[in-house]
């Protein structure tokens, strides 16, 4: 287990966290945009922006799943390697 592998484990884990936070923020903002669009017909463009955010969320879900599974597996390997009493290179 190299130091580079352990470093990339941390990077990929944080990438999954950042993607999840961005997607949650996009979901909240899309709801806010829909409320704004519903309040006044002059703000109808916000409804279209909400739809664009939903498309982004739909495209991001497979990415989030892939990154999360990779991070989980890498973290499991690092933990098992550390529990086996191995020392760092």
PDB file of N, CA and C in Angstrom:
ATOM      1  N   UNK A   1       0.857  -1.170   0.000  1.00  0.00           N
ATOM      2  CA  UNK A   1       0.000   0.000   0.000  1.00  0.00           C
ATOM      3  C   UNK A   1       0.902   1.231   0.000  1.00  0.00           C
ATOM      4  N   UNK A   2       0.847   1.978  -1.049  1.00  0.00           N
ATOM      5  CA  UNK A   2       1.712   3.140  -1.169  1.00  0.00           C
ATOM      6  C   UNK A   2       1.053   4.371  -0.551  1.00  0.00           C
ATOM      7  N   UNK A   3       1.884   5.354  -0.301  1.00  0.00           N
ATOM      8  CA  UNK A   3       1.372   6.620   0.231  1.00  0.00           C
ATOM      9  C   UNK A   3       0.485   7.303  -0.799  1.00  0.00           C
ATOM     10  N   UNK A   4       0.805   7.123  -2.057  1.00  0.00           N
ATOM     11  CA  UNK A   4       0.003   7.712  -3.127  1.00  0.00           C
ATOM     12  C   UNK A   4      -1.411   7.131  -3.132  1.00  0.00           C
ATOM     13  N   UNK A   5      -1.525   5.827  -2.929  1.00  0.00           N
ATOM     14  CA  UNK A   5      -2.848   5.186  -2.888  1.00  0.00           C
ATOM     15  C   UNK A   5      -3.672   5.724  -1.726  1.00  0.00           C
ATOM     16  N   UNK A   6      -3.044   5.849  -0.558  1.00  0.00           N
ATOM     17  CA  UNK A   6      -3.763   6.376   0.611  1.00  0.00           C
ATOM     18  C   UNK A   6      -4.158   7.830   0.388  1.00  0.00           C
ATOM     19  N   UNK A   7      -3.297   8.613  -0.266  1.00  0.00           N
ATOM     20  CA  UNK A   7      -3.615  10.017  -0.562  1.00  0.00           C
ATOM     21  C   UNK A   7      -4.786  10.102  -1.528  1.00  0.00           C
ATOM     22  N   UNK A   8      -4.780   9.262  -2.573  1.00  0.00           N
ATOM     23  CA  UNK A   8      -5.889   9.277  -3.526  1.00  0.00           C
ATOM     24  C   UNK A   8      -7.188   8.797  -2.880  1.00  0.00           C
ATOM     25  N   UNK A   9      -7.080   7.937  -1.885  1.00  0.00           N
ATOM     26  CA  UNK A   9      -8.277   7.516  -1.145  1.00  0.00           C
ATOM     27  C   UNK A   9      -8.932   8.715  -0.487  1.00  0.00           C
ATOM     28  N   UNK A  10      -8.136   9.559   0.126  1.00  0.00           N
ATOM     29  CA  UNK A  10      -8.669  10.761   0.769  1.00  0.00           C
ATOM     30  C   UNK A  10      -9.240  11.721  -0.276  1.00  0.00           C
ATOM     31  N   UNK A  11      -8.536  11.895  -1.369  1.00  0.00           N
ATOM     32  CA  UNK A  11      -8.995  12.816  -2.423  1.00  0.00           C
ATOM     33  C   UNK A  11     -10.330  12.354  -2.999  1.00  0.00           C
ATOM     34  N   UNK A  12     -10.461  11.078  -3.287  1.00  0.00           N
ATOM     35  CA  UNK A  12     -11.698  10.566  -3.875  1.00  0.00           C
ATOM     36  C   UNK A  12     -12.837  10.613  -2.870  1.00  0.00           C
ATOM     37  N   UNK A  13     -12.538  10.363  -1.600  1.00  0.00           N
ATOM     38  CA  UNK A  13     -13.575  10.469  -0.571  1.00  0.00           C
ATOM     39  C   UNK A  13     -14.105  11.893  -0.489  1.00  0.00           C
ATOM     40  N   UNK A  14     -13.207  12.864  -0.480  1.00  0.00           N
ATOM     41  CA  UNK A  14     -13.647  14.263  -0.425  1.00  0.00           C
ATOM     42  C   UNK A  14     -14.347  14.683  -1.713  1.00  0.00           C
ATOM     43  N   UNK A  15     -13.963  14.106  -2.833  1.00  0.00           N
ATOM     44  CA  UNK A  15     -14.656  14.409  -4.093  1.00  0.00           C
ATOM     45  C   UNK A  15     -16.104  13.950  -4.017  1.00  0.00           C
ATOM     46  N   UNK A  16     -16.332  12.782  -3.433  1.00  0.00           N
ATOM     47  CA  UNK A  16     -17.699  12.289  -3.272  1.00  0.00           C
ATOM     48  C   UNK A  16     -18.499  13.206  -2.359  1.00  0.00           C
ATOM     49  N   UNK A  17     -17.883  13.681  -1.291  1.00  0.00           N
ATOM     50  CA  UNK A  17     -18.570  14.586  -0.371  1.00  0.00           C
ATOM     51  C   UNK A  17     -18.923  15.899  -1.073  1.00  0.00           C
ATOM     52  N   UNK A  18     -17.981  16.438  -1.823  1.00  0.00           N
ATOM     53  CA  UNK A  18     -18.216  17.711  -2.514  1.00  0.00           C
ATOM     54  C   UNK A  18     -19.324  17.566  -3.553  1.00  0.00           C
ATOM     55  N   UNK A  19     -19.313  16.486  -4.314  1.00  0.00           N
ATOM     56  CA  UNK A  19     -20.359  16.263  -5.316  1.00  0.00           C
ATOM     57  C   UNK A  19     -21.716  16.133  -4.644  1.00  0.00           C
ATOM     58  N   UNK A  20     -21.785  15.423  -3.531  1.00  0.00           N
ATOM     59  CA  UNK A  20     -23.060  15.267  -2.815  1.00  0.00           C
ATOM     60  C   UNK A  20     -23.568  16.605  -2.294  1.00  0.00           C
ATOM     61  N   UNK A  21     -22.671  17.423  -1.751  1.00  0.00           N
ATOM     62  CA  UNK A  21     -23.076  18.740  -1.249  1.00  0.00           C
ATOM     63  C   UNK A  21     -23.556  19.636  -2.386  1.00  0.00           C
ATOM     64  N   UNK A  22     -22.849  19.630  -3.507  1.00  0.00           N
ATOM     65  CA  UNK A  22     -23.271  20.433  -4.652  1.00  0.00           C
ATOM     66  C   UNK A  22     -24.632  19.994  -5.188  1.00  0.00           C
ATOM     67  N   UNK A  23     -24.872  18.702  -5.207  1.00  0.00           N
ATOM     68  CA  UNK A  23     -26.159  18.218  -5.678  1.00  0.00           C
ATOM     69  C   UNK A  23     -27.282  18.580  -4.710  1.00  0.00           C
ATOM     70  N   UNK A  24     -27.027  18.518  -3.425  1.00  0.00           N
ATOM     71  CA  UNK A  24     -28.036  18.926  -2.440  1.00  0.00           C
ATOM     72  C   UNK A  24     -28.332  20.416  -2.576  1.00  0.00           C
ATOM     73  N   UNK A  25     -27.292  21.217  -2.768  1.00  0.00           N
ATOM     74  CA  UNK A  25     -27.481  22.652  -2.953  1.00  0.00           C
ATOM     75  C   UNK A  25     -28.286  22.934  -4.227  1.00  0.00           C
ATOM     76  N   UNK A  26     -27.995  22.211  -5.297  1.00  0.00           N
ATOM     77  CA  UNK A  26     -28.729  22.393  -6.552  1.00  0.00           C
ATOM     78  C   UNK A  26     -30.197  22.023  -6.378  1.00  0.00           C
ATOM     79  N   UNK A  27     -30.477  20.995  -5.612  1.00  0.00           N
ATOM     80  CA  UNK A  27     -31.863  20.603  -5.363  1.00  0.00           C
ATOM     81  C   UNK A  27     -32.611  21.689  -4.599  1.00  0.00           C
ATOM     82  N   UNK A  28     -31.986  22.219  -3.558  1.00  0.00           N
ATOM     83  CA  UNK A  28     -32.620  23.282  -2.775  1.00  0.00           C
ATOM     84  C   UNK A  28     -32.831  24.518  -3.642  1.00  0.00           C
ATOM     85  N   UNK A  29     -31.828  24.891  -4.415  1.00  0.00           N
ATOM     86  CA  UNK A  29     -31.960  26.074  -5.259  1.00  0.00           C
ATOM     87  C   UNK A  29     -33.027  25.878  -6.337  1.00  0.00           C
ATOM     88  N   UNK A  30     -33.167  24.676  -6.858  1.00  0.00           N
ATOM     89  CA  UNK A  30     -34.204  24.447  -7.862  1.00  0.00           C
ATOM     90  C   UNK A  30     -35.591  24.636  -7.265  1.00  0.00           C
ATOM     91  N   UNK A  31     -35.771  24.230  -6.029  1.00  0.00           N
ATOM     92  CA  UNK A  31     -37.060  24.445  -5.362  1.00  0.00           C
ATOM     93  C   UNK A  31     -37.297  25.931  -5.130  1.00  0.00           C
ATOM     94  N   UNK A  32     -36.254  26.640  -4.718  1.00  0.00           N
ATOM     95  CA  UNK A  32     -36.372  28.090  -4.528  1.00  0.00           C
ATOM     96  C   UNK A  32     -36.710  28.769  -5.847  1.00  0.00           C
ATOM     97  N   UNK A  33     -36.062  28.354  -6.930  1.00  0.00           N
ATOM     98  CA  UNK A  33     -36.351  28.942  -8.238  1.00  0.00           C
ATOM     99  C   UNK A  33     -37.796  28.681  -8.663  1.00  0.00           C
ATOM    100  N   UNK A  34     -38.297  27.494  -8.368  1.00  0.00           N
ATOM    101  CA  UNK A  34     -39.685  27.202  -8.713  1.00  0.00           C
ATOM    102  C   UNK A  34     -40.655  28.082  -7.922  1.00  0.00           C
ATOM    103  N   UNK A  35     -40.348  28.314  -6.671  1.00  0.00           N
ATOM    104  CA  UNK A  35     -41.195  29.187  -5.854  1.00  0.00           C
ATOM    105  C   UNK A  35     -41.161  30.603  -6.410  1.00  0.00           C
ATOM    106  N   UNK A  36     -40.000  31.096  -6.769  1.00  0.00           N
ATOM    107  CA  UNK A  36     -39.886  32.438  -7.349  1.00  0.00           C
ATOM    108  C   UNK A  36     -40.651  32.529  -8.663  1.00  0.00           C
ATOM    109  N   UNK A  37     -40.532  31.498  -9.493  1.00  0.00           N
ATOM    110  CA  UNK A  37     -41.218  31.506 -10.788  1.00  0.00           C
ATOM    111  C   UNK A  37     -42.729  31.465 -10.606  1.00  0.00           C
ATOM    112  N   UNK A  38     -43.184  30.786  -9.569  1.00  0.00           N
ATOM    113  CA  UNK A  38     -44.616  30.670  -9.328  1.00  0.00           C
ATOM    114  C   UNK A  38     -45.217  31.964  -8.766  1.00  0.00           C
ATOM    115  N   UNK A  39     -44.421  32.767  -8.101  1.00  0.00           N
ATOM    116  CA  UNK A  39     -44.930  33.993  -7.493  1.00  0.00           C
ATOM    117  C   UNK A  39     -45.266  35.064  -8.518  1.00  0.00           C
ATOM    118  N   UNK A  40     -44.544  35.137  -9.596  1.00  0.00           N
ATOM    119  CA  UNK A  40     -44.736  36.211 -10.566  1.00  0.00           C
ATOM    120  C   UNK A  40     -44.411  35.692 -11.966  1.00  0.00           C
ATOM    121  N   UNK A  41     -45.275  35.974 -12.926  1.00  0.00           N
ATOM    122  CA  UNK A  41     -45.056  35.476 -14.289  1.00  0.00           C
ATOM    123  C   UNK A  41     -43.840  36.111 -14.954  1.00  0.00           C
ATOM    124  N   UNK A  42     -43.418  37.269 -14.471  1.00  0.00           N
ATOM    125  CA  UNK A  42     -42.219  37.898 -15.038  1.00  0.00           C
ATOM    126  C   UNK A  42     -40.957  37.143 -14.653  1.00  0.00           C
ATOM    127  N   UNK A  43     -41.042  36.274 -13.659  1.00  0.00           N
ATOM    128  CA  UNK A  43     -39.894  35.480 -13.211  1.00  0.00           C
ATOM    129  C   UNK A  43     -39.958  34.041 -13.730  1.00  0.00           C
ATOM    130  N   UNK A  44     -40.628  33.826 -14.851  1.00  0.00           N
ATOM    131  CA  UNK A  44     -40.790  32.476 -15.384  1.00  0.00           C
ATOM    132  C   UNK A  44     -39.455  31.824 -15.751  1.00  0.00           C
ATOM    133  N   UNK A  45     -38.451  32.631 -16.032  1.00  0.00           N
ATOM    134  CA  UNK A  45     -37.143  32.072 -16.399  1.00  0.00           C
ATOM    135  C   UNK A  45     -36.542  31.245 -15.259  1.00  0.00           C
ATOM    136  N   UNK A  46     -36.921  31.564 -14.024  1.00  0.00           N
ATOM    137  CA  UNK A  46     -36.415  30.777 -12.901  1.00  0.00           C
ATOM    138  C   UNK A  46     -36.910  29.327 -12.969  1.00  0.00           C
ATOM    139  N   UNK A  47     -38.107  29.130 -13.503  1.00  0.00           N
ATOM    140  CA  UNK A  47     -38.612  27.767 -13.663  1.00  0.00           C
ATOM    141  C   UNK A  47     -37.760  26.969 -14.627  1.00  0.00           C
ATOM    142  N   UNK A  48     -37.333  27.628 -15.702  1.00  0.00           N
ATOM    143  CA  UNK A  48     -36.450  26.950 -16.660  1.00  0.00           C
ATOM    144  C   UNK A  48     -35.075  26.673 -16.043  1.00  0.00           C
ATOM    145  N   UNK A  49     -34.615  27.574 -15.213  1.00  0.00           N
ATOM    146  CA  UNK A  49     -33.338  27.341 -14.533  1.00  0.00           C
ATOM    147  C   UNK A  49     -33.446  26.150 -13.582  1.00  0.00           C
ATOM    148  N   UNK A  50     -34.603  26.010 -12.938  1.00  0.00           N
ATOM    149  CA  UNK A  50     -34.819  24.848 -12.072  1.00  0.00           C
ATOM    150  C   UNK A  50     -34.752  23.561 -12.886  1.00  0.00           C
ATOM    151  N   UNK A  51     -35.325  23.570 -14.084  1.00  0.00           N
ATOM    152  CA  UNK A  51     -35.256  22.384 -14.939  1.00  0.00           C
ATOM    153  C   UNK A  51     -33.817  22.062 -15.340  1.00  0.00           C
ATOM    154  N   UNK A  52     -33.035  23.091 -15.619  1.00  0.00           N
ATOM    155  CA  UNK A  52     -31.627  22.876 -15.961  1.00  0.00           C
ATOM    156  C   UNK A  52     -30.886  22.250 -14.779  1.00  0.00           C
ATOM    157  N   UNK A  53     -31.194  22.719 -13.576  1.00  0.00           N
ATOM    158  CA  UNK A  53     -30.561  22.134 -12.389  1.00  0.00           C
ATOM    159  C   UNK A  53     -30.965  20.677 -12.216  1.00  0.00           C
ATOM    160  N   UNK A  54     -32.207  20.340 -12.497  1.00  0.00           N
ATOM    161  CA  UNK A  54     -32.647  18.948 -12.388  1.00  0.00           C
ATOM    162  C   UNK A  54     -31.928  18.060 -13.389  1.00  0.00           C
ATOM    163  N   UNK A  55     -31.682  18.577 -14.591  1.00  0.00           N
ATOM    164  CA  UNK A  55     -30.917  17.808 -15.580  1.00  0.00           C
ATOM    165  C   UNK A  55     -29.490  17.593 -15.064  1.00  0.00           C
ATOM    166  N   UNK A  56     -28.909  18.630 -14.459  1.00  0.00           N
ATOM    167  CA  UNK A  56     -27.578  18.486 -13.873  1.00  0.00           C
ATOM    168  C   UNK A  56     -27.545  17.472 -12.744  1.00  0.00           C
ATOM    169  N   UNK A  57     -28.585  17.476 -11.929  1.00  0.00           N
ATOM    170  CA  UNK A  57     -28.666  16.498 -10.838  1.00  0.00           C
ATOM    171  C   UNK A  57     -28.789  15.090 -11.410  1.00  0.00           C
ATOM    172  N   UNK A  58     -29.641  14.928 -12.416  1.00  0.00           N
ATOM    173  CA  UNK A  58     -29.813  13.606 -13.030  1.00  0.00           C
ATOM    174  C   UNK A  58     -28.510  13.109 -13.657  1.00  0.00           C
ATOM    175  N   UNK A  59     -27.741  14.015 -14.240  1.00  0.00           N
ATOM    176  CA  UNK A  59     -26.457  13.622 -14.827  1.00  0.00           C
ATOM    177  C   UNK A  59     -25.418  13.350 -13.744  1.00  0.00           C
ATOM    178  N   UNK A  60     -25.543  14.000 -12.601  1.00  0.00           N
ATOM    179  CA  UNK A  60     -24.565  13.838 -11.536  1.00  0.00           C
ATOM    180  C   UNK A  60     -24.767  12.616 -10.667  1.00  0.00           C
ATOM    181  N   UNK A  61     -25.969  12.052 -10.660  1.00  0.00           N
ATOM    182  CA  UNK A  61     -26.235  10.891  -9.803  1.00  0.00           C
ATOM    183  C   UNK A  61     -25.333   9.700 -10.149  1.00  0.00           C
ATOM    184  N   UNK A  62     -25.197   9.316 -11.412  1.00  0.00           N
ATOM    185  CA  UNK A  62     -24.277   8.200 -11.703  1.00  0.00           C
ATOM    186  C   UNK A  62     -22.831   8.500 -11.317  1.00  0.00           C
ATOM    187  N   UNK A  63     -22.422   9.745 -11.482  1.00  0.00           N
ATOM    188  CA  UNK A  63     -21.062  10.128 -11.083  1.00  0.00           C
ATOM    189  C   UNK A  63     -20.905   9.988  -9.577  1.00  0.00           C
ATOM    190  N   UNK A  64     -21.889  10.463  -8.835  1.00  0.00           N
ATOM    191  CA  UNK A  64     -21.836  10.359  -7.380  1.00  0.00           C
ATOM    192  C   UNK A  64     -21.794   8.904  -6.933  1.00  0.00           C
ATOM    193  N   UNK A  65     -22.590   8.066  -7.555  1.00  0.00           N
ATOM    194  CA  UNK A  65     -22.593   6.649  -7.191  1.00  0.00           C
ATOM    195  C   UNK A  65     -21.231   6.017  -7.480  1.00  0.00           C
ATOM    196  N   UNK A  66     -20.677   6.289  -8.635  1.00  0.00           N
ATOM    197  CA  UNK A  66     -19.383   5.703  -8.999  1.00  0.00           C
ATOM    198  C   UNK A  66     -18.270   6.157  -8.069  1.00  0.00           C
ATOM    199  N   UNK A  67     -18.238   7.449  -7.773  1.00  0.00           N
ATOM    200  CA  UNK A  67     -17.179   7.977  -6.902  1.00  0.00           C
ATOM    201  C   UNK A  67     -17.347   7.443  -5.479  1.00  0.00           C
ATOM    202  N   UNK A  68     -18.576   7.353  -5.015  1.00  0.00           N
ATOM    203  CA  UNK A  68     -18.822   6.858  -3.658  1.00  0.00           C
ATOM    204  C   UNK A  68     -18.418   5.396  -3.522  1.00  0.00           C
ATOM    205  N   UNK A  69     -18.759   4.585  -4.497  1.00  0.00           N
ATOM    206  CA  UNK A  69     -18.386   3.164  -4.434  1.00  0.00           C
ATOM    207  C   UNK A  69     -16.871   3.012  -4.486  1.00  0.00           C
ATOM    208  N   UNK A  70     -16.223   3.770  -5.344  1.00  0.00           N
ATOM    209  CA  UNK A  70     -14.751   3.696  -5.425  1.00  0.00           C
ATOM    210  C   UNK A  70     -14.109   4.123  -4.117  1.00  0.00           C
ATOM    211  N   UNK A  71     -14.596   5.209  -3.538  1.00  0.00           N
ATOM    212  CA  UNK A  71     -14.032   5.696  -2.272  1.00  0.00           C
ATOM    213  C   UNK A  71     -14.249   4.683  -1.159  1.00  0.00           C
ATOM    214  N   UNK A  72     -15.449   4.091  -1.122  1.00  0.00           N
ATOM    215  CA  UNK A  72     -15.743   3.096  -0.082  1.00  0.00           C
ATOM    216  C   UNK A  72     -14.798   1.910  -0.189  1.00  0.00           C
ATOM    217  N   UNK A  73     -14.593   1.401  -1.407  1.00  0.00           N
ATOM    218  CA  UNK A  73     -13.719   0.247  -1.592  1.00  0.00           C
ATOM    219  C   UNK A  73     -12.266   0.582  -1.261  1.00  0.00           C
ATOM    220  N   UNK A  74     -11.818   1.751  -1.668  1.00  0.00           N
ATOM    221  CA  UNK A  74     -10.441   2.144  -1.380  1.00  0.00           C
ATOM    222  C   UNK A  74     -10.230   2.307   0.122  1.00  0.00           C
ATOM    223  N   UNK A  75     -11.191   2.922   0.802  1.00  0.00           N
ATOM    224  CA  UNK A  75     -11.060   3.089   2.256  1.00  0.00           C
ATOM    225  C   UNK A  75     -11.054   1.741   2.967  1.00  0.00           C
ATOM    226  N   UNK A  76     -11.872   0.801   2.470  1.00  0.00           N
ATOM    227  CA  UNK A  76     -11.899  -0.535   3.070  1.00  0.00           C
ATOM    228  C   UNK A  76     -10.544  -1.217   2.902  1.00  0.00           C
ATOM    229  N   UNK A  77      -9.946  -1.107   1.722  1.00  0.00           N
ATOM    230  CA  UNK A  77      -8.630  -1.720   1.491  1.00  0.00           C
ATOM    231  C   UNK A  77      -7.556  -1.115   2.393  1.00  0.00           C
ATOM    232  N   UNK A  78      -7.593   0.200   2.555  1.00  0.00           N
ATOM    233  CA  UNK A  78      -6.603   0.861   3.414  1.00  0.00           C
ATOM    234  C   UNK A  78      -6.785   0.412   4.860  1.00  0.00           C
ATOM    235  N   UNK A  79      -8.046   0.336   5.318  1.00  0.00           N
ATOM    236  CA  UNK A  79      -8.299  -0.112   6.700  1.00  0.00           C
ATOM    237  C   UNK A  79      -7.829  -1.534   6.916  1.00  0.00           C
ATOM    238  N   UNK A  80      -8.155  -2.435   5.984  1.00  0.00           N
ATOM    239  CA  UNK A  80      -7.735  -3.828   6.116  1.00  0.00           C
ATOM    240  C   UNK A  80      -6.220  -3.945   6.104  1.00  0.00           C
ATOM    241  N   UNK A  81      -5.566  -3.172   5.271  1.00  0.00           N
ATOM    242  CA  UNK A  81      -4.114  -3.209   5.188  1.00  0.00           C
ATOM    243  C   UNK A  81      -3.500  -2.722   6.499  1.00  0.00           C
ATOM    244  N   UNK A  82      -4.090  -1.678   7.084  1.00  0.00           N
ATOM    245  CA  UNK A  82      -3.572  -1.147   8.345  1.00  0.00           C
ATOM    246  C   UNK A  82      -3.813  -2.116   9.498  1.00  0.00           C
ATOM    247  N   UNK A  83      -4.965  -2.768   9.503  1.00  0.00           N
ATOM    248  CA  UNK A  83      -5.280  -3.734  10.570  1.00  0.00           C
ATOM    249  C   UNK A  83      -4.381  -4.957  10.522  1.00  0.00           C
ATOM    250  N   UNK A  84      -3.874  -5.280   9.349  1.00  0.00           N
ATOM    251  CA  UNK A  84      -3.002  -6.441   9.204  1.00  0.00           C
ATOM    252  C   UNK A  84      -1.618  -6.200   9.788  1.00  0.00           C
ATOM    253  N   UNK A  85      -1.380  -4.985  10.279  1.00  0.00           N
ATOM    254  CA  UNK A  85      -0.092  -4.679  10.895  1.00  0.00           C
ATOM    255  C   UNK A  85       0.971  -4.267   9.934  1.00  0.00           C
ATOM    256  N   UNK A  86       0.607  -3.919   8.732  1.00  0.00           N
ATOM    257  CA  UNK A  86       1.592  -3.486   7.745  1.00  0.00           C
ATOM    258  C   UNK A  86       2.042  -2.066   8.057  1.00  0.00           C
ATOM    259  N   UNK A  87       3.244  -1.778   7.681  1.00  0.00           N
ATOM    260  CA  UNK A  87       3.771  -0.425   7.885  1.00  0.00           C
ATOM    261  C   UNK A  87       3.748   0.317   6.566  1.00  0.00           C
ATOM    262  N   UNK A  88       3.735   1.629   6.663  1.00  0.00           N
ATOM    263  CA  UNK A  88       3.709   2.470   5.460  1.00  0.00           C
ATOM    264  C   UNK A  88       5.045   2.421   4.750  1.00  0.00           C
ATOM    265  N   UNK A  89       5.004   2.569   3.448  1.00  0.00           N
ATOM    266  CA  UNK A  89       6.233   2.612   2.643  1.00  0.00           C
ATOM    267  C   UNK A  89       6.815   3.982   2.667  1.00  0.00           C
TER     268      UNK A  89
END
